[in-house]
C-alpha atoms as a PDB file:
ATOM      1  CA  MET A   1       0.000   0.000   0.000  1.00  0.00           C
ATOM      2  CA  ARG A   2       1.320   3.454  -0.943  1.00  0.00           C
ATOM      3  CA  ARG A   3       1.803   5.791   2.025  1.00  0.00           C
ATOM      4  CA  GLU A   4       0.355   9.280   1.798  1.00  0.00           C
ATOM      5  CA  PRO A   5       2.766  12.080   2.750  1.00  0.00           C
ATOM      6  CA  GLY A   6       2.535  12.864   6.438  1.00  0.00           C
ATOM      7  CA  MET A   7       1.077   9.500   7.385  1.00  0.00           C
ATOM      8  CA  GLU A   8       2.505   7.154   9.971  1.00  0.00           C
ATOM      9  CA  SER A   9       5.578   5.196   8.932  1.00  0.00           C
ATOM     10  CA  ASP A  10       6.750   1.844  10.269  1.00  0.00           C
ATOM     11  CA  GLU A  11       9.108   3.662  12.646  1.00  0.00           C
ATOM     12  CA  GLY A  12       6.550   6.159  13.961  1.00  0.00           C
ATOM     13  CA  PHE A  13       5.289   9.544  12.900  1.00  0.00           C
ATOM     14  CA  GLU A  14       6.511  11.332   9.814  1.00  0.00           C
ATOM     15  CA  PRO A  15       8.067  14.750  10.477  1.00  0.00           C
ATOM     16  CA  LEU A  16       5.617  17.638  10.410  1.00  0.00           C
ATOM     17  CA  PHE A  17       7.884  19.668   8.115  1.00  0.00           C
ATOM     18  CA  ASP A  18      10.210  18.535   5.387  1.00  0.00           C
ATOM     19  CA  ARG A  19      13.905  18.597   6.250  1.00  0.00           C
ATOM     20  CA  GLY A  20      14.704  21.823   4.417  1.00  0.00           C
ATOM     21  CA  GLU A  21      11.823  23.730   5.960  1.00  0.00           C
ATOM     22  CA  ALA A  22      12.656  22.501   9.484  1.00  0.00           C
ATOM     23  CA  GLU A  23      16.315  23.434   8.993  1.00  0.00           C
ATOM     24  CA  GLU A  24      15.299  26.912   7.838  1.00  0.00           C
ATOM     25  CA  PHE A  25      13.165  27.399  10.964  1.00  0.00           C
ATOM     26  CA  ARG A  26      16.015  26.184  13.191  1.00  0.00           C
ATOM     27  CA  SER A  27      18.540  28.405  11.426  1.00  0.00           C
ATOM     28  CA  ARG A  28      16.302  31.420  11.939  1.00  0.00           C
ATOM     29  CA  TRP A  29      15.895  30.494  15.615  1.00  0.00           C
ATOM     30  CA  TYR A  30      19.649  30.183  16.162  1.00  0.00           C
ATOM     31  CA  ALA A  31      20.202  33.592  14.544  1.00  0.00           C
ATOM     32  CA  ILE A  32      17.560  35.132  16.815  1.00  0.00           C
ATOM     33  CA  GLN A  33      19.092  33.520  19.872  1.00  0.00           C
ATOM     34  CA  ALA A  34      22.588  34.696  18.928  1.00  0.00           C
ATOM     35  CA  GLY A  35      21.306  38.252  18.482  1.00  0.00           C
ATOM     36  CA  PHE A  36      19.799  38.415  21.963  1.00  0.00           C
ATOM     37  CA  VAL A  37      23.003  39.628  23.639  1.00  0.00           C
ATOM     38  CA  ASP A  38      23.290  42.718  21.432  1.00  0.00           C
ATOM     39  CA  GLU A  39      19.585  43.448  20.892  1.00  0.00           C
ATOM     40  CA  PRO A  40      17.348  41.605  23.371  1.00  0.00           C
ATOM     41  CA  ARG A  41      14.128  43.472  22.487  1.00  0.00           C
ATOM     42  CA  LYS A  42      14.631  42.831  18.764  1.00  0.00           C
ATOM     43  CA  ALA A  43      15.409  39.150  19.460  1.00  0.00           C
ATOM     44  CA  VAL A  44      12.180  38.700  21.418  1.00  0.00           C
ATOM     45  CA  GLN A  45      10.177  40.426  18.667  1.00  0.00           C
ATOM     46  CA  GLU A  46      11.764  38.199  16.014  1.00  0.00           C
ATOM     47  CA  ALA A  47      11.144  35.109  18.162  1.00  0.00           C
ATOM     48  CA  ASP A  48       7.461  36.061  18.387  1.00  0.00           C
ATOM     49  CA  GLU A  49       7.279  36.486  14.616  1.00  0.00           C
ATOM     50  CA  LEU A  50       9.028  33.164  13.990  1.00  0.00           C
ATOM     51  CA  VAL A  51       6.742  31.287  16.381  1.00  0.00           C
ATOM     52  CA  ALA A  52       3.711  32.835  14.650  1.00  0.00           C
ATOM     53  CA  THR A  53       5.114  31.767  11.263  1.00  0.00           C
ATOM     54  CA  VAL A  54       5.720  28.194  12.437  1.00  0.00           C
ATOM     55  CA  MET A  55       2.230  27.983  13.972  1.00  0.00           C
ATOM     56  CA  LYS A  56       0.662  29.224  10.729  1.00  0.00           C
ATOM     57  CA  ARG A  57       2.670  26.697   8.720  1.00  0.00           C
ATOM     58  CA  LEU A  58       1.708  23.920  11.146  1.00  0.00           C
ATOM     59  CA  ALA A  59      -1.976  24.794  10.678  1.00  0.00           C
ATOM     60  CA  GLU A  60      -1.472  24.610   6.891  1.00  0.00           C
ATOM     61  CA  VAL A  61       0.198  21.183   7.187  1.00  0.00           C
ATOM     62  CA  PHE A  62      -2.605  19.754   9.309  1.00  0.00           C
ATOM     63  CA  SER A  63      -5.283  21.303   7.120  1.00  0.00           C
ATOM     64  CA  GLY A  64      -3.733  19.638   4.074  1.00  0.00           C
ATOM     65  CA  GLU A  65      -3.575  16.289   5.849  1.00  0.00           C
ATOM     66  CA  ARG A  66      -7.205  16.537   6.911  1.00  0.00           C
ATOM     67  CA  GLU A  67      -8.261  17.355   3.334  1.00  0.00           C
ATOM     68  CA  ARG A  68      -6.392  14.277   2.076  1.00  0.00           C
ATOM     69  CA  LEU A  69      -8.087  12.142   4.689  1.00  0.00           C
ATOM     70  CA  GLU A  70     -11.515  13.481   3.774  1.00  0.00           C
ATOM     71  CA  ARG A  71     -10.952  12.799   0.073  1.00  0.00           C
ATOM     72  CA  TYR A  72      -9.782   9.276   0.895  1.00  0.00           C
ATOM     73  CA  TRP A  73     -12.880   8.128   2.733  1.00  0.00           C
ATOM     74  CA  ASP A  74     -15.578  10.400   1.333  1.00  0.00           C
ATOM     75  CA  ARG A  75     -16.282   8.381  -1.794  1.00  0.00           C
ATOM     76  CA  GLY A  76     -19.927   7.686  -1.049  1.00  0.00           C
ATOM     77  CA  ASP A  77     -21.262   4.144  -0.998  1.00  0.00           C
ATOM     78  CA  ASP A  78     -18.503   2.808  -3.254  1.00  0.00           C
ATOM     79  CA  ILE A  79     -16.010   2.177  -0.432  1.00  0.00           C
ATOM     80  CA  SER A  80     -15.071  -1.147   1.099  1.00  0.00           C
ATOM     81  CA  THR A  81     -14.781  -1.978   4.781  1.00  0.00           C
ATOM     82  CA  GLU A  82     -11.038  -2.394   4.238  1.00  0.00           C
ATOM     83  CA  ASP A  83     -10.801   1.125   2.790  1.00  0.00           C
ATOM     84  CA  LEU A  84     -12.697   2.424   5.820  1.00  0.00           C
ATOM     85  CA  ARG A  85     -10.362   0.519   8.160  1.00  0.00           C
ATOM     86  CA  VAL A  86      -7.346   2.120   6.487  1.00  0.00           C
ATOM     87  CA  ALA A  87      -9.011   5.542   6.690  1.00  0.00           C
ATOM     88  CA  LEU A  88      -9.651   5.057  10.417  1.00  0.00           C
ATOM     89  CA  ARG A  89      -6.006   4.088  10.971  1.00  0.00           C
ATOM     90  CA  ARG A  90      -4.919   7.251   9.160  1.00  0.00           C
ATOM     91  CA  TYR A  91      -7.258   9.344  11.278  1.00  0.00           C
ATOM     92  CA  ARG A  92      -5.801   7.710  14.396  1.00  0.00           C
ATOM     93  CA  SER A  93      -2.283   8.603  13.243  1.00  0.00           C
ATOM     94  CA  PHE A  94      -3.398  12.148  12.484  1.00  0.00           C
ATOM     95  CA  PHE A  95      -5.128  12.437  15.878  1.00  0.00           C
ATOM     96  CA  ASP A  96      -2.054  11.156  17.729  1.00  0.00           C
ATOM     97  CA  ARG A  97       0.152  13.666  15.923  1.00  0.00           C
ATOM     98  CA  LEU A  98      -2.188  16.509  16.859  1.00  0.00           C
ATOM     99  CA  LEU A  99      -1.984  15.526  20.526  1.00  0.00           C
ATOM    100  CA  ALA A 100       1.807  15.160  20.333  1.00  0.00           C
ATOM    101  CA  VAL A 101       2.328  18.779  19.249  1.00  0.00           C
END
């Protein structure tokens, strides 16, 4: 069975962000942290902006996953019990990831 992006892997949960995006967020954080000594007020303002950006992106990621899940199971009466079982497992994975944030 083909795994949808963002779904549970054999090892556990898939990362919420791709590697490049996560590295960009971390790089921005480290720059903010390093700037605190010279400009603490600016560092706190930038930290607030970065956290807001990451939260917005996280909402976009979860919204996209939910849309994929809805498309998967919302095929009317032409869906097997096995398809519904797989959909429920994907919802469980999605639910667990929401609670893990």
